[in-house]
């Protein structure tokens, strides 16, 4: 049935992650996953900046009766959303697996801040995506529905980032490693908010 199929898929996924951690390519693989996820976030953030600059120019054009200029339009296809979700999820599982099997002093543990920052940048980019496509939302929604009726959306991408970050934090807390690493203020605030929300949700469920 569907439950057994899902459990089998998870088992195979965990086995693949474990094998990756045990190889000499673990660090390069983790870096590549972070580059993929964080890089997508950076691209979306840059597109958002272009979008804001174009609107500023158009506001000035309204005042001077000049011709409006619009940035090139983009949209996130289903495959890109899946890529981002899989990349950040795999990165979180890899670094957690490294911590659990090799301890806090393994090389993978050194990339903890990289994983969290990649998740944060991807989340920030995904959250700004609706502004980028605001003028063409109806057309893009139609195109997405043509790809697949039950398509993933940017909200699923944000949720994947939250889950990845919580997985890392939960692993650190359960191992009581007291890991200390630097995070940018925005990422640090996000992590604190996630942990507080998680604690509140656990308290309300009791």
C-alpha atoms as a PDB file:
ATOM      1  CA  UNK A   1       0.000   0.000   0.000  1.00  0.00           C
ATOM      2  CA  UNK A   2       0.975   3.678  -0.037  1.00  0.00           C
ATOM      3  CA  UNK A   3       2.326   3.610   3.542  1.00  0.00           C
ATOM      4  CA  UNK A   4       4.643   0.677   2.875  1.00  0.00           C
ATOM      5  CA  UNK A   5       5.799   2.276  -0.367  1.00  0.00           C
ATOM      6  CA  UNK A   6       6.593   5.533   1.419  1.00  0.00           C
ATOM      7  CA  UNK A   7       8.453   3.705   4.226  1.00  0.00           C
ATOM      8  CA  UNK A   8      10.470   1.732   1.681  1.00  0.00           C
ATOM      9  CA  UNK A   9      11.367   4.946  -0.112  1.00  0.00           C
ATOM     10  CA  UNK A  10      12.510   6.528   3.162  1.00  0.00           C
ATOM     11  CA  UNK A  11      14.582   3.430   4.032  1.00  0.00           C
ATOM     12  CA  UNK A  12      16.337   3.527   0.661  1.00  0.00           C
ATOM     13  CA  UNK A  13      16.914   7.264   1.026  1.00  0.00           C
ATOM     14  CA  UNK A  14      18.471   6.840   4.493  1.00  0.00           C
ATOM     15  CA  UNK A  15      20.665   4.015   3.202  1.00  0.00           C
ATOM     16  CA  UNK A  16      21.872   6.167   0.309  1.00  0.00           C
ATOM     17  CA  UNK A  17      22.683   9.046   2.672  1.00  0.00           C
ATOM     18  CA  UNK A  18      24.563   6.697   5.019  1.00  0.00           C
ATOM     19  CA  UNK A  19      26.643   5.344   2.138  1.00  0.00           C
ATOM     20  CA  UNK A  20      27.434   8.874   0.965  1.00  0.00           C
ATOM     21  CA  UNK A  21      28.596   9.880   4.455  1.00  0.00           C
ATOM     22  CA  UNK A  22      30.944   6.891   4.627  1.00  0.00           C
ATOM     23  CA  UNK A  23      32.758   7.800   1.413  1.00  0.00           C
ATOM     24  CA  UNK A  24      35.609  10.238   0.862  1.00  0.00           C
ATOM     25  CA  UNK A  25      33.260  12.244  -1.328  1.00  0.00           C
ATOM     26  CA  UNK A  26      30.943  13.143   1.561  1.00  0.00           C
ATOM     27  CA  UNK A  27      32.233  16.705   1.952  1.00  0.00           C
ATOM     28  CA  UNK A  28      32.212  17.562  -1.794  1.00  0.00           C
ATOM     29  CA  UNK A  29      28.700  16.084  -2.108  1.00  0.00           C
ATOM     30  CA  UNK A  30      27.453  18.140   0.840  1.00  0.00           C
ATOM     31  CA  UNK A  31      29.038  21.294  -0.563  1.00  0.00           C
ATOM     32  CA  UNK A  32      27.401  20.648  -3.933  1.00  0.00           C
ATOM     33  CA  UNK A  33      23.990  20.203  -2.297  1.00  0.00           C
ATOM     34  CA  UNK A  34      24.412  23.455  -0.365  1.00  0.00           C
ATOM     35  CA  UNK A  35      25.559  25.264  -3.504  1.00  0.00           C
ATOM     36  CA  UNK A  36      22.497  24.011  -5.368  1.00  0.00           C
ATOM     37  CA  UNK A  37      20.008  25.012  -2.663  1.00  0.00           C
ATOM     38  CA  UNK A  38      21.665  28.256  -1.590  1.00  0.00           C
ATOM     39  CA  UNK A  39      22.414  29.202  -5.185  1.00  0.00           C
ATOM     40  CA  UNK A  40      18.749  28.934  -6.114  1.00  0.00           C
ATOM     41  CA  UNK A  41      17.902  31.201  -3.196  1.00  0.00           C
ATOM     42  CA  UNK A  42      20.508  33.758  -4.281  1.00  0.00           C
ATOM     43  CA  UNK A  43      19.158  33.806  -7.830  1.00  0.00           C
ATOM     44  CA  UNK A  44      15.606  34.397  -6.594  1.00  0.00           C
ATOM     45  CA  UNK A  45      16.818  37.201  -4.325  1.00  0.00           C
ATOM     46  CA  UNK A  46      18.657  38.865  -7.224  1.00  0.00           C
ATOM     47  CA  UNK A  47      15.569  38.590  -9.412  1.00  0.00           C
ATOM     48  CA  UNK A  48      13.604  40.210  -6.611  1.00  0.00           C
ATOM     49  CA  UNK A  49      16.105  43.092  -6.499  1.00  0.00           C
ATOM     50  CA  UNK A  50      15.729  43.538 -10.271  1.00  0.00           C
ATOM     51  CA  UNK A  51      11.967  43.535  -9.823  1.00  0.00           C
ATOM     52  CA  UNK A  52      12.167  46.282  -7.183  1.00  0.00           C
ATOM     53  CA  UNK A  53      14.528  48.419  -9.286  1.00  0.00           C
ATOM     54  CA  UNK A  54      12.209  48.120 -12.285  1.00  0.00           C
ATOM     55  CA  UNK A  55       9.273  49.299 -10.209  1.00  0.00           C
ATOM     56  CA  UNK A  56      11.295  52.257  -8.950  1.00  0.00           C
ATOM     57  CA  UNK A  57      12.180  53.203 -12.521  1.00  0.00           C
ATOM     58  CA  UNK A  58       8.540  52.912 -13.543  1.00  0.00           C
ATOM     59  CA  UNK A  59       7.477  55.184 -10.695  1.00  0.00           C
ATOM     60  CA  UNK A  60       9.923  57.780 -11.971  1.00  0.00           C
ATOM     61  CA  UNK A  61       8.607  57.210 -15.500  1.00  0.00           C
ATOM     62  CA  UNK A  62       5.082  57.961 -14.286  1.00  0.00           C
ATOM     63  CA  UNK A  63       6.287  61.342 -13.043  1.00  0.00           C
ATOM     64  CA  UNK A  64       8.135  62.200 -16.254  1.00  0.00           C
ATOM     65  CA  UNK A  65       5.789  60.561 -18.802  1.00  0.00           C
ATOM     66  CA  UNK A  66       8.572  58.232 -19.963  1.00  0.00           C
ATOM     67  CA  UNK A  67       8.047  54.731 -21.347  1.00  0.00           C
ATOM     68  CA  UNK A  68       7.888  52.010 -18.697  1.00  0.00           C
ATOM     69  CA  UNK A  69      10.529  49.282 -18.605  1.00  0.00           C
ATOM     70  CA  UNK A  70       9.841  45.845 -17.204  1.00  0.00           C
ATOM     71  CA  UNK A  71      12.298  43.143 -16.099  1.00  0.00           C
ATOM     72  CA  UNK A  72      12.334  39.806 -17.861  1.00  0.00           C
ATOM     73  CA  UNK A  73       9.702  37.531 -16.332  1.00  0.00           C
ATOM     74  CA  UNK A  74      10.556  34.186 -14.735  1.00  0.00           C
ATOM     75  CA  UNK A  75       8.725  31.402 -13.006  1.00  0.00           C
ATOM     76  CA  UNK A  76       9.805  28.375 -10.997  1.00  0.00           C
ATOM     77  CA  UNK A  77       8.941  25.160 -12.826  1.00  0.00           C
ATOM     78  CA  UNK A  78       8.013  22.084 -10.850  1.00  0.00           C
ATOM     79  CA  UNK A  79      11.386  20.439 -11.447  1.00  0.00           C
ATOM     80  CA  UNK A  80      13.259  23.435  -9.963  1.00  0.00           C
ATOM     81  CA  UNK A  81      11.087  23.396  -6.846  1.00  0.00           C
ATOM     82  CA  UNK A  82      11.735  19.666  -6.473  1.00  0.00           C
ATOM     83  CA  UNK A  83      15.452  20.215  -6.985  1.00  0.00           C
ATOM     84  CA  UNK A  84      15.614  22.819  -4.236  1.00  0.00           C
ATOM     85  CA  UNK A  85      13.579  20.695  -1.834  1.00  0.00           C
ATOM     86  CA  UNK A  86      15.652  17.569  -2.449  1.00  0.00           C
ATOM     87  CA  UNK A  87      18.968  19.427  -2.235  1.00  0.00           C
ATOM     88  CA  UNK A  88      18.345  21.123   1.119  1.00  0.00           C
ATOM     89  CA  UNK A  89      16.690  18.006   2.581  1.00  0.00           C
ATOM     90  CA  UNK A  90      19.602  15.785   1.541  1.00  0.00           C
ATOM     91  CA  UNK A  91      22.116  18.312   2.871  1.00  0.00           C
ATOM     92  CA  UNK A  92      20.411  18.361   6.274  1.00  0.00           C
ATOM     93  CA  UNK A  93      20.234  14.553   6.420  1.00  0.00           C
ATOM     94  CA  UNK A  94      23.890  14.216   5.438  1.00  0.00           C
ATOM     95  CA  UNK A  95      25.234  16.588   8.069  1.00  0.00           C
ATOM     96  CA  UNK A  96      23.014  15.017  10.740  1.00  0.00           C
ATOM     97  CA  UNK A  97      24.080  11.516   9.729  1.00  0.00           C
ATOM     98  CA  UNK A  98      27.706  12.629   9.947  1.00  0.00           C
ATOM     99  CA  UNK A  99      27.160  13.986  13.453  1.00  0.00           C
ATOM    100  CA  UNK A 100      25.439  10.826  14.620  1.00  0.00           C
ATOM    101  CA  UNK A 101      27.974   8.390  13.188  1.00  0.00           C
ATOM    102  CA  UNK A 102      31.237  10.300  13.475  1.00  0.00           C
ATOM    103  CA  UNK A 103      30.625  12.867  16.201  1.00  0.00           C
ATOM    104  CA  UNK A 104      30.874  16.639  16.366  1.00  0.00           C
ATOM    105  CA  UNK A 105      34.507  16.753  15.248  1.00  0.00           C
ATOM    106  CA  UNK A 106      33.952  15.128  11.855  1.00  0.00           C
ATOM    107  CA  UNK A 107      34.564  17.150   8.712  1.00  0.00           C
ATOM    108  CA  UNK A 108      30.877  17.209   7.847  1.00  0.00           C
ATOM    109  CA  UNK A 109      30.114  18.911  11.166  1.00  0.00           C
ATOM    110  CA  UNK A 110      32.252  21.849  10.064  1.00  0.00           C
ATOM    111  CA  UNK A 111      29.683  22.497   7.336  1.00  0.00           C
ATOM    112  CA  UNK A 112      26.769  22.887   9.765  1.00  0.00           C
ATOM    113  CA  UNK A 113      26.675  26.693   9.336  1.00  0.00           C
ATOM    114  CA  UNK A 114      26.834  26.272   5.555  1.00  0.00           C
ATOM    115  CA  UNK A 115      23.797  23.984   5.559  1.00  0.00           C
ATOM    116  CA  UNK A 116      21.795  26.366   7.756  1.00  0.00           C
ATOM    117  CA  UNK A 117      22.750  29.437   5.707  1.00  0.00           C
ATOM    118  CA  UNK A 118      21.866  27.620   2.476  1.00  0.00           C
ATOM    119  CA  UNK A 119      18.460  26.758   3.905  1.00  0.00           C
ATOM    120  CA  UNK A 120      17.981  30.365   5.020  1.00  0.00           C
ATOM    121  CA  UNK A 121      18.903  31.866   1.644  1.00  0.00           C
ATOM    122  CA  UNK A 122      16.659  29.410  -0.198  1.00  0.00           C
ATOM    123  CA  UNK A 123      13.794  30.223   2.176  1.00  0.00           C
ATOM    124  CA  UNK A 124      14.294  33.983   1.705  1.00  0.00           C
ATOM    125  CA  UNK A 125      14.344  33.657  -2.071  1.00  0.00           C
ATOM    126  CA  UNK A 126      11.263  31.429  -2.122  1.00  0.00           C
ATOM    127  CA  UNK A 127       9.336  33.834   0.107  1.00  0.00           C
ATOM    128  CA  UNK A 128      10.014  36.696  -2.310  1.00  0.00           C
ATOM    129  CA  UNK A 129       9.060  34.681  -5.366  1.00  0.00           C
ATOM    130  CA  UNK A 130       5.369  35.783  -5.275  1.00  0.00           C
ATOM    131  CA  UNK A 131       6.470  39.417  -5.638  1.00  0.00           C
ATOM    132  CA  UNK A 132       8.588  38.563  -8.679  1.00  0.00           C
ATOM    133  CA  UNK A 133       5.644  37.002 -10.510  1.00  0.00           C
ATOM    134  CA  UNK A 134       2.925  39.286  -9.123  1.00  0.00           C
ATOM    135  CA  UNK A 135       1.987  40.795 -12.515  1.00  0.00           C
ATOM    136  CA  UNK A 136       1.772  37.395 -14.198  1.00  0.00           C
ATOM    137  CA  UNK A 137       0.466  35.240 -11.352  1.00  0.00           C
ATOM    138  CA  UNK A 138      -2.685  34.079 -13.134  1.00  0.00           C
ATOM    139  CA  UNK A 139      -0.790  33.054 -16.272  1.00  0.00           C
ATOM    140  CA  UNK A 140       1.932  31.322 -14.256  1.00  0.00           C
ATOM    141  CA  UNK A 141      -0.562  29.462 -12.081  1.00  0.00           C
ATOM    142  CA  UNK A 142      -2.191  28.195 -15.267  1.00  0.00           C
ATOM    143  CA  UNK A 143       1.168  27.078 -16.658  1.00  0.00           C
ATOM    144  CA  UNK A 144       2.013  25.289 -13.393  1.00  0.00           C
ATOM    145  CA  UNK A 145      -1.334  23.496 -13.397  1.00  0.00           C
ATOM    146  CA  UNK A 146      -0.635  22.315 -16.936  1.00  0.00           C
ATOM    147  CA  UNK A 147       2.631  20.783 -15.763  1.00  0.00           C
ATOM    148  CA  UNK A 148       0.902  18.809 -13.043  1.00  0.00           C
ATOM    149  CA  UNK A 149      -2.552  19.352 -11.490  1.00  0.00           C
ATOM    150  CA  UNK A 150      -1.231  19.007  -7.923  1.00  0.00           C
ATOM    151  CA  UNK A 151       1.987  20.939  -8.430  1.00  0.00           C
ATOM    152  CA  UNK A 152       4.308  21.867  -5.632  1.00  0.00           C
ATOM    153  CA  UNK A 153       4.543  25.595  -4.932  1.00  0.00           C
ATOM    154  CA  UNK A 154       7.017  28.018  -3.436  1.00  0.00           C
ATOM    155  CA  UNK A 155       5.344  27.380  -0.060  1.00  0.00           C
ATOM    156  CA  UNK A 156       6.501  23.760  -0.197  1.00  0.00           C
ATOM    157  CA  UNK A 157      10.022  25.060  -0.776  1.00  0.00           C
ATOM    158  CA  UNK A 158       9.783  27.273   2.313  1.00  0.00           C
ATOM    159  CA  UNK A 159       8.448  24.366   4.365  1.00  0.00           C
ATOM    160  CA  UNK A 160      11.318  22.130   3.226  1.00  0.00           C
ATOM    161  CA  UNK A 161      13.817  24.745   4.425  1.00  0.00           C
ATOM    162  CA  UNK A 162      12.107  24.974   7.810  1.00  0.00           C
ATOM    163  CA  UNK A 163      12.095  21.191   8.205  1.00  0.00           C
ATOM    164  CA  UNK A 164      15.752  20.905   7.189  1.00  0.00           C
ATOM    165  CA  UNK A 165      16.825  23.516   9.718  1.00  0.00           C
ATOM    166  CA  UNK A 166      14.743  21.944  12.491  1.00  0.00           C
ATOM    167  CA  UNK A 167      16.252  18.539  11.728  1.00  0.00           C
ATOM    168  CA  UNK A 168      19.764  19.940  12.142  1.00  0.00           C
ATOM    169  CA  UNK A 169      18.899  21.764  15.369  1.00  0.00           C
ATOM    170  CA  UNK A 170      17.094  18.735  16.787  1.00  0.00           C
ATOM    171  CA  UNK A 171      20.108  16.521  16.080  1.00  0.00           C
ATOM    172  CA  UNK A 172      22.455  18.990  17.776  1.00  0.00           C
ATOM    173  CA  UNK A 173      20.228  19.192  20.856  1.00  0.00           C
ATOM    174  CA  UNK A 174      19.710  15.416  21.136  1.00  0.00           C
ATOM    175  CA  UNK A 175      23.444  14.802  20.912  1.00  0.00           C
ATOM    176  CA  UNK A 176      24.101  17.576  23.426  1.00  0.00           C
ATOM    177  CA  UNK A 177      27.138  18.621  21.404  1.00  0.00           C
ATOM    178  CA  UNK A 178      26.961  22.291  22.460  1.00  0.00           C
ATOM    179  CA  UNK A 179      28.225  23.133  19.014  1.00  0.00           C
ATOM    180  CA  UNK A 180      29.174  26.755  18.639  1.00  0.00           C
ATOM    181  CA  UNK A 181      29.245  28.376  15.238  1.00  0.00           C
ATOM    182  CA  UNK A 182      28.590  31.790  13.792  1.00  0.00           C
ATOM    183  CA  UNK A 183      25.408  32.602  11.941  1.00  0.00           C
ATOM    184  CA  UNK A 184      24.369  35.831  10.279  1.00  0.00           C
ATOM    185  CA  UNK A 185      21.786  37.781  12.242  1.00  0.00           C
ATOM    186  CA  UNK A 186      18.928  37.008   9.848  1.00  0.00           C
ATOM    187  CA  UNK A 187      19.652  33.282   9.887  1.00  0.00           C
ATOM    188  CA  UNK A 188      20.095  33.310  13.657  1.00  0.00           C
ATOM    189  CA  UNK A 189      16.744  35.072  14.164  1.00  0.00           C
ATOM    190  CA  UNK A 190      15.056  32.577  11.846  1.00  0.00           C
ATOM    191  CA  UNK A 191      16.504  29.641  13.779  1.00  0.00           C
ATOM    192  CA  UNK A 192      15.356  31.111  17.070  1.00  0.00           C
ATOM    193  CA  UNK A 193      11.853  31.656  15.711  1.00  0.00           C
ATOM    194  CA  UNK A 194      11.690  28.079  14.402  1.00  0.00           C
ATOM    195  CA  UNK A 195      12.791  26.613  17.725  1.00  0.00           C
ATOM    196  CA  UNK A 196      10.346  28.737  19.708  1.00  0.00           C
ATOM    197  CA  UNK A 197       7.491  27.805  17.365  1.00  0.00           C
ATOM    198  CA  UNK A 198       8.425  24.140  17.652  1.00  0.00           C
ATOM    199  CA  UNK A 199       8.440  24.293  21.451  1.00  0.00           C
ATOM    200  CA  UNK A 200       5.065  26.069  21.508  1.00  0.00           C
ATOM    201  CA  UNK A 201       3.562  23.544  19.090  1.00  0.00           C
ATOM    202  CA  UNK A 202       4.803  20.660  21.259  1.00  0.00           C
ATOM    203  CA  UNK A 203       3.370  22.286  24.398  1.00  0.00           C
ATOM    204  CA  UNK A 204      -0.032  22.862  22.775  1.00  0.00           C
ATOM    205  CA  UNK A 205      -0.237  19.250  21.594  1.00  0.00           C
ATOM    206  CA  UNK A 206       0.070  17.914  25.151  1.00  0.00           C
END
